[in-house]
């Protein structure tokens, strides 16, 4: 009878531990806020007006909306791959789908086509992107068959004028701006470099200003990225199982926070005071053994790193 009791206790404990992961990581608690098995969770952005987290599952073609006030995650199926999302208004967001940029109505789930930066190129899809401080949407692309230097980074204004800004990109990923808006940081993942550009807010022009960070291969590949109020870069590490904080002034690694999923994809500051860092992950490409070791892969996690972020920019809003 005693053995049966311990068996039941062990099974219940194992189930509960899968529901809510919390671990102390150098004084940082990593909390599972949305347990799911996203294939390719990405594109985290905090809508500070609605106080909700938007994120996407690229391969499943779903926009996720997580409301921490009620701890509920809802989804909208957009019918094709979805690379990223940016807020626009109370009822609409802008989404980068495989065949173009659309306006998505959050109430009736209707999609309105806006523009396709890479029309006619069926070997590429749109990937990560964000809005700059003047409300322009910057979105990059990547090759579906992993062809190097075949993608680009585009700038789209509120009049839907498209301009290719950076060419010869392999996998366009993390992008963010300094709090003053005078510096843009950008990641082309396979290069393992975070590049820095002088940024002209008025005209949306960039001037290359060197490499801010060279990511050590032991850390994995830099994916999605955000910035805190002190100007430090927080980077999701694909195949690195962590979020890393870098000082772009000297390129040094400041902190490395382990996440219970090997493929960490994006991060965004959120919460009422932007003091929480939400982190998306993926299951795509993981082996059976990896999934058994990291059963929470594909979930959304949250940490409180002790520093706040800066508000996300909205499309068309200056």
Protein backbone atom coordinates (compact mmCIF):
# COMPACT_ATOMS: atom_id res chain seq x y z
CA UNK A 1 0.00 0.00 0.00
CA UNK A 2 2.85 2.33 0.90
CA UNK A 3 4.49 1.65 -2.49
CA UNK A 4 1.24 2.53 -4.27
CA UNK A 5 1.09 5.81 -2.36
CA UNK A 6 4.60 6.79 -3.44
CA UNK A 7 3.88 5.85 -7.05
CA UNK A 8 0.73 8.01 -7.10
CA UNK A 9 2.61 10.87 -5.42
CA UNK A 10 5.44 10.65 -7.96
CA UNK A 11 3.02 10.68 -10.93
CA UNK A 12 1.11 13.68 -9.54
CA UNK A 13 4.36 15.53 -8.81
CA UNK A 14 5.63 14.87 -12.34
CA UNK A 15 2.40 16.18 -13.88
CA UNK A 16 2.40 19.30 -11.75
CA UNK A 17 6.02 20.03 -12.55
CA UNK A 18 5.16 20.03 -16.25
CA UNK A 19 2.28 22.46 -15.75
CA UNK A 20 4.29 25.24 -14.12
CA UNK A 21 8.04 25.40 -14.39
CA UNK A 22 9.82 27.70 -11.98
CA UNK A 23 13.52 27.67 -11.32
CA UNK A 24 15.94 29.97 -9.59
CA UNK A 25 18.58 31.09 -12.08
CA UNK A 26 21.13 33.44 -10.53
CA UNK A 27 18.41 35.22 -8.55
CA UNK A 28 16.07 35.13 -11.56
CA UNK A 29 12.90 33.04 -11.47
CA UNK A 30 11.86 31.65 -14.85
CA UNK A 31 8.08 31.16 -14.90
CA UNK A 32 5.93 29.40 -17.47
CA UNK A 33 3.09 31.81 -18.24
CA UNK A 34 1.66 30.02 -21.26
CA UNK A 35 2.26 26.30 -21.58
CA UNK A 36 1.90 25.20 -25.18
CA UNK A 37 3.76 23.24 -27.85
CA UNK A 38 4.29 25.97 -30.42
CA UNK A 39 6.26 24.74 -33.41
CA UNK A 40 7.94 28.07 -33.94
CA UNK A 41 6.89 30.62 -31.34
CA UNK A 42 8.21 34.05 -32.35
CA UNK A 43 7.51 37.77 -32.71
CA UNK A 44 6.79 38.70 -29.09
CA UNK A 45 5.56 42.29 -28.69
CA UNK A 46 3.78 43.95 -25.78
CA UNK A 47 0.75 46.14 -26.52
CA UNK A 48 1.08 48.51 -23.56
CA UNK A 49 -2.29 50.16 -24.27
CA UNK A 50 -4.23 46.90 -24.16
CA UNK A 51 -1.77 45.34 -21.67
CA UNK A 52 -1.53 42.17 -23.72
CA UNK A 53 1.27 40.14 -25.25
CA UNK A 54 1.10 39.35 -28.95
CA UNK A 55 3.20 36.50 -30.32
CA UNK A 56 3.03 34.12 -33.25
CA UNK A 57 3.48 30.46 -34.07
CA UNK A 58 4.99 30.80 -37.53
CA UNK A 59 4.56 27.27 -38.84
CA UNK A 60 1.04 26.76 -37.47
CA UNK A 61 -0.07 30.11 -38.90
CA UNK A 62 -1.49 31.41 -35.64
CA UNK A 63 -1.47 34.77 -33.91
CA UNK A 64 -1.50 34.37 -30.13
CA UNK A 65 -2.85 36.99 -27.72
CA UNK A 66 -1.90 36.45 -24.10
CA UNK A 67 -3.74 38.42 -21.41
CA UNK A 68 -1.79 38.17 -18.13
CA UNK A 69 -4.64 39.78 -16.19
CA UNK A 70 -6.77 36.68 -16.68
CA UNK A 71 -3.89 34.33 -17.58
CA UNK A 72 -5.54 33.40 -20.87
CA UNK A 73 -4.02 32.83 -24.30
CA UNK A 74 -6.29 33.04 -27.35
CA UNK A 75 -5.42 32.40 -30.99
CA UNK A 76 -6.41 33.57 -34.45
CA UNK A 77 -5.68 31.29 -37.40
CA UNK A 78 -4.44 33.38 -40.34
CA UNK A 79 -4.23 30.48 -42.79
CA UNK A 80 -0.53 30.73 -43.70
CA UNK A 81 2.87 31.24 -42.11
CA UNK A 82 3.00 34.35 -39.94
CA UNK A 83 6.42 35.90 -39.34
CA UNK A 84 5.64 38.68 -36.88
CA UNK A 85 3.03 41.10 -35.55
CA UNK A 86 3.02 44.77 -34.53
CA UNK A 87 0.22 46.73 -32.83
CA UNK A 88 -1.71 49.40 -34.70
CA UNK A 89 -4.96 50.27 -32.86
CA UNK A 90 -7.40 48.90 -30.30
CA UNK A 91 -8.93 46.62 -32.91
CA UNK A 92 -6.15 46.03 -35.45
CA UNK A 93 -2.62 44.74 -35.75
CA UNK A 94 -0.25 44.50 -38.71
CA UNK A 95 0.96 41.00 -39.50
CA UNK A 96 3.70 39.78 -41.84
CA UNK A 97 2.43 36.65 -43.56
CA UNK A 98 4.18 34.45 -46.06
CA UNK A 99 2.70 36.24 -49.06
CA UNK A 100 2.66 39.79 -47.76
CA UNK A 101 1.78 42.30 -45.07
CA UNK A 102 -1.83 42.45 -43.89
CA UNK A 103 -4.02 44.37 -41.47
CA UNK A 104 -5.78 41.95 -39.12
CA UNK A 105 -9.03 42.93 -37.42
CA UNK A 106 -8.96 41.42 -33.94
CA UNK A 107 -12.74 41.46 -33.58
CA UNK A 108 -13.93 39.75 -36.75
CA UNK A 109 -10.54 38.19 -37.65
CA UNK A 110 -10.72 39.68 -41.13
CA UNK A 111 -7.51 40.16 -43.13
CA UNK A 112 -6.89 43.08 -45.50
CA UNK A 113 -3.91 42.81 -47.83
CA UNK A 114 -1.61 45.85 -47.73
CA UNK A 115 1.60 45.14 -49.61
CA UNK A 116 4.08 42.38 -50.45
CA UNK A 117 7.73 43.48 -50.28
CA UNK A 118 8.86 40.30 -52.04
CA UNK A 119 6.06 39.66 -54.51
CA UNK A 120 6.88 36.93 -56.95
CA UNK A 121 9.56 35.35 -54.78
CA UNK A 122 8.00 32.08 -53.65
CA UNK A 123 11.24 30.80 -52.12
CA UNK A 124 11.23 33.44 -49.38
CA UNK A 125 8.90 34.34 -46.55
CA UNK A 126 8.63 37.34 -44.28
CA UNK A 127 10.13 36.89 -40.82
CA UNK A 128 10.81 39.13 -37.83
CA UNK A 129 10.09 42.85 -37.70
CA UNK A 130 9.09 45.86 -35.58
CA UNK A 131 8.02 49.47 -35.92
CA UNK A 132 10.53 52.29 -35.57
CA UNK A 133 9.93 55.38 -33.37
CA UNK A 134 8.15 57.11 -36.28
CA UNK A 135 5.71 54.24 -36.77
CA UNK A 136 7.25 52.71 -39.89
CA UNK A 137 7.16 48.92 -40.12
CA UNK A 138 10.54 47.26 -40.65
CA UNK A 139 10.27 43.63 -41.68
CA UNK A 140 12.84 41.18 -42.99
CA UNK A 141 12.73 37.96 -44.94
CA UNK A 142 14.45 34.61 -45.16
CA UNK A 143 14.85 31.81 -47.67
CA UNK A 144 12.61 28.77 -47.22
CA UNK A 145 15.36 26.52 -48.55
CA UNK A 146 18.13 28.13 -46.46
CA UNK A 147 19.73 29.90 -49.41
CA UNK A 148 22.30 32.36 -48.02
CA UNK A 149 22.26 36.09 -48.82
CA UNK A 150 18.93 35.80 -50.64
CA UNK A 151 16.79 37.88 -48.27
CA UNK A 152 16.53 41.52 -47.19
CA UNK A 153 15.24 44.03 -44.67
CA UNK A 154 12.44 46.36 -45.79
CA UNK A 155 10.94 49.61 -44.53
CA UNK A 156 7.20 50.23 -44.97
CA UNK A 157 5.60 53.58 -44.08
CA UNK A 158 1.96 54.36 -43.30
CA UNK A 159 1.36 55.13 -46.99
CA UNK A 160 2.55 51.58 -47.77
CA UNK A 161 5.63 52.76 -49.60
CA UNK A 162 8.19 49.93 -49.53
CA UNK A 163 11.95 50.37 -49.70
CA UNK A 164 14.65 47.72 -49.44
CA UNK A 165 17.14 48.98 -46.84
CA UNK A 166 19.56 46.10 -46.24
CA UNK A 167 20.31 43.49 -48.90
CA UNK A 168 22.21 40.17 -48.98
CA UNK A 169 20.59 38.95 -45.77
CA UNK A 170 20.29 35.26 -44.92
CA UNK A 171 17.85 35.15 -41.97
CA UNK A 172 16.51 38.56 -41.00
CA UNK A 173 15.71 38.53 -37.29
CA UNK A 174 15.98 40.79 -34.23
CA UNK A 175 15.64 44.54 -34.65
CA UNK A 176 15.24 47.36 -32.14
CA UNK A 177 15.96 51.05 -31.56
CA UNK A 178 17.57 52.96 -28.70
CA UNK A 179 15.32 54.96 -26.38
CA UNK A 180 16.36 58.18 -28.16
CA UNK A 181 15.69 56.57 -31.52
CA UNK A 182 19.08 57.52 -32.93
CA UNK A 183 20.52 53.99 -33.08
CA UNK A 184 19.12 50.88 -34.76
CA UNK A 185 20.38 47.39 -33.91
CA UNK A 186 19.86 44.50 -36.32
CA UNK A 187 20.52 40.74 -36.46
CA UNK A 188 21.13 38.53 -39.48
CA UNK A 189 21.16 35.30 -37.48
CA UNK A 190 23.80 33.14 -39.29
CA UNK A 191 26.39 35.92 -38.97
CA UNK A 192 26.18 35.75 -35.15
CA UNK A 193 26.56 39.54 -35.20
CA UNK A 194 24.43 42.40 -33.91
CA UNK A 195 25.05 45.31 -36.23
CA UNK A 196 24.66 48.95 -35.28
CA UNK A 197 23.32 51.76 -37.48
CA UNK A 198 23.02 55.50 -36.99
CA UNK A 199 19.29 56.18 -37.42
CA UNK A 200 17.52 59.22 -38.83
CA UNK A 201 14.05 59.21 -37.26
CA UNK A 202 12.59 61.84 -39.59
CA UNK A 203 13.47 60.09 -42.82
CA UNK A 204 13.97 56.50 -41.66
CA UNK A 205 17.51 56.38 -43.04
CA UNK A 206 20.30 54.22 -41.65
CA UNK A 207 24.07 54.44 -41.78
CA UNK A 208 26.14 51.40 -40.90
CA UNK A 209 28.22 52.02 -37.79
CA UNK A 210 29.95 48.69 -37.19
CA UNK A 211 29.32 45.56 -35.18
CA UNK A 212 27.95 46.15 -31.69
CA UNK A 213 28.17 42.52 -30.55
CA UNK A 214 29.85 39.39 -31.87
CA UNK A 215 28.05 36.46 -30.30
CA UNK A 216 30.26 33.59 -29.15
CA UNK A 217 29.26 30.35 -30.91
CA UNK A 218 29.01 28.65 -27.50
CA UNK A 219 25.96 30.81 -26.78
CA UNK A 220 24.00 29.65 -29.84
CA UNK A 221 22.54 31.84 -32.58
CA UNK A 222 21.05 35.30 -31.89
CA UNK A 223 17.36 35.40 -32.83
CA UNK A 224 14.78 37.90 -31.60
CA UNK A 225 15.91 40.96 -29.64
CA UNK A 226 14.67 43.82 -27.49
CA UNK A 227 16.25 46.69 -25.55
CA UNK A 228 15.91 47.95 -21.98
CA UNK A 229 15.75 51.47 -20.60
CA UNK A 230 19.51 51.42 -19.93
CA UNK A 231 20.29 50.64 -23.56
CA UNK A 232 21.26 47.00 -22.99
CA UNK A 233 20.27 44.41 -25.59
CA UNK A 234 18.32 41.30 -24.58
CA UNK A 235 18.68 38.54 -27.15
CA UNK A 236 16.93 35.17 -27.52
CA UNK A 237 19.48 32.45 -28.25
CA UNK A 238 18.41 29.78 -30.75
CA UNK A 239 20.05 26.46 -29.82
CA UNK A 240 21.46 28.24 -26.78
CA UNK A 241 18.62 27.65 -24.33
CA UNK A 242 18.93 31.15 -22.91
CA UNK A 243 18.31 34.85 -23.09
CA UNK A 244 21.51 36.90 -23.09
CA UNK A 245 21.98 40.52 -22.13
CA UNK A 246 24.74 42.40 -23.95
CA UNK A 247 26.26 45.84 -23.58
CA UNK A 248 26.30 47.27 -27.12
CA UNK A 249 28.89 49.84 -26.13
CA UNK A 250 31.66 47.28 -25.64
CA UNK A 251 30.01 44.10 -26.96
CA UNK A 252 30.37 42.26 -23.66
CA UNK A 253 27.99 39.65 -22.28
CA UNK A 254 26.45 40.96 -19.06
CA UNK A 255 24.02 38.21 -18.12
CA UNK A 256 22.92 34.82 -19.39
CA UNK A 257 19.59 33.49 -18.14
CA UNK A 258 18.88 29.83 -18.86
CA UNK A 259 15.45 28.92 -20.22
CA UNK A 260 14.06 25.33 -20.07
CA UNK A 261 13.90 25.06 -23.86
CA UNK A 262 16.89 24.82 -26.24
CA UNK A 263 15.34 26.90 -29.02
CA UNK A 264 14.66 30.34 -27.58
CA UNK A 265 13.28 32.63 -30.27
CA UNK A 266 12.17 36.09 -29.14
CA UNK A 267 11.67 38.31 -26.11
CA UNK A 268 9.74 41.46 -25.24
CA UNK A 269 9.39 43.62 -22.15
CA UNK A 270 5.84 43.80 -20.86
CA UNK A 271 3.72 44.23 -17.78
CA UNK A 272 2.26 47.46 -16.42
CA UNK A 273 5.69 48.98 -15.84
CA UNK A 274 7.48 47.03 -18.59
CA UNK A 275 9.41 45.20 -15.87
CA UNK A 276 8.68 41.69 -17.12
CA UNK A 277 10.49 39.98 -19.97
CA UNK A 278 8.32 37.56 -21.96
CA UNK A 279 10.16 34.86 -23.90
CA UNK A 280 8.95 32.60 -26.73
CA UNK A 281 10.38 29.22 -27.68
CA UNK A 282 10.06 26.52 -30.35
CA UNK A 283 9.77 22.76 -30.76
CA UNK A 284 10.57 22.59 -34.47
CA UNK A 285 13.58 20.44 -35.28
CA UNK A 286 14.01 19.06 -31.77
CA UNK A 287 14.69 15.35 -31.38
CA UNK A 288 12.53 13.01 -29.34
CA UNK A 289 15.23 12.95 -26.69
CA UNK A 290 15.37 16.76 -26.54
CA UNK A 291 11.60 16.99 -26.19
CA UNK A 292 11.70 14.49 -23.35
CA UNK A 293 14.45 16.48 -21.63
CA UNK A 294 12.73 19.83 -22.27
CA UNK A 295 8.96 19.08 -22.19
CA UNK A 296 8.07 22.78 -21.93
CA UNK A 297 9.63 23.63 -25.29
CA UNK A 298 7.22 25.75 -27.32
CA UNK A 299 5.89 27.53 -24.23
CA UNK A 300 6.07 31.21 -23.30
CA UNK A 301 8.15 32.08 -20.24
CA UNK A 302 8.56 35.20 -18.14
CA UNK A 303 11.34 36.63 -16.00
CA UNK A 304 11.74 39.83 -14.00
CA UNK A 305 15.33 40.87 -14.72
CA UNK A 306 15.35 43.95 -12.49
CA UNK A 307 15.28 46.47 -15.32
CA UNK A 308 12.43 47.84 -17.42
CA UNK A 309 12.08 47.97 -21.16
CA UNK A 310 10.88 50.79 -23.40
CA UNK A 311 7.39 50.87 -24.96
CA UNK A 312 6.81 49.20 -28.31
CA UNK A 313 6.10 51.47 -31.29
CA UNK A 314 2.77 51.28 -33.09
CA UNK A 315 2.33 51.22 -36.84
CA UNK A 316 1.51 54.67 -38.22
CA UNK A 317 1.93 56.39 -34.87
CA UNK A 318 4.63 59.03 -34.41
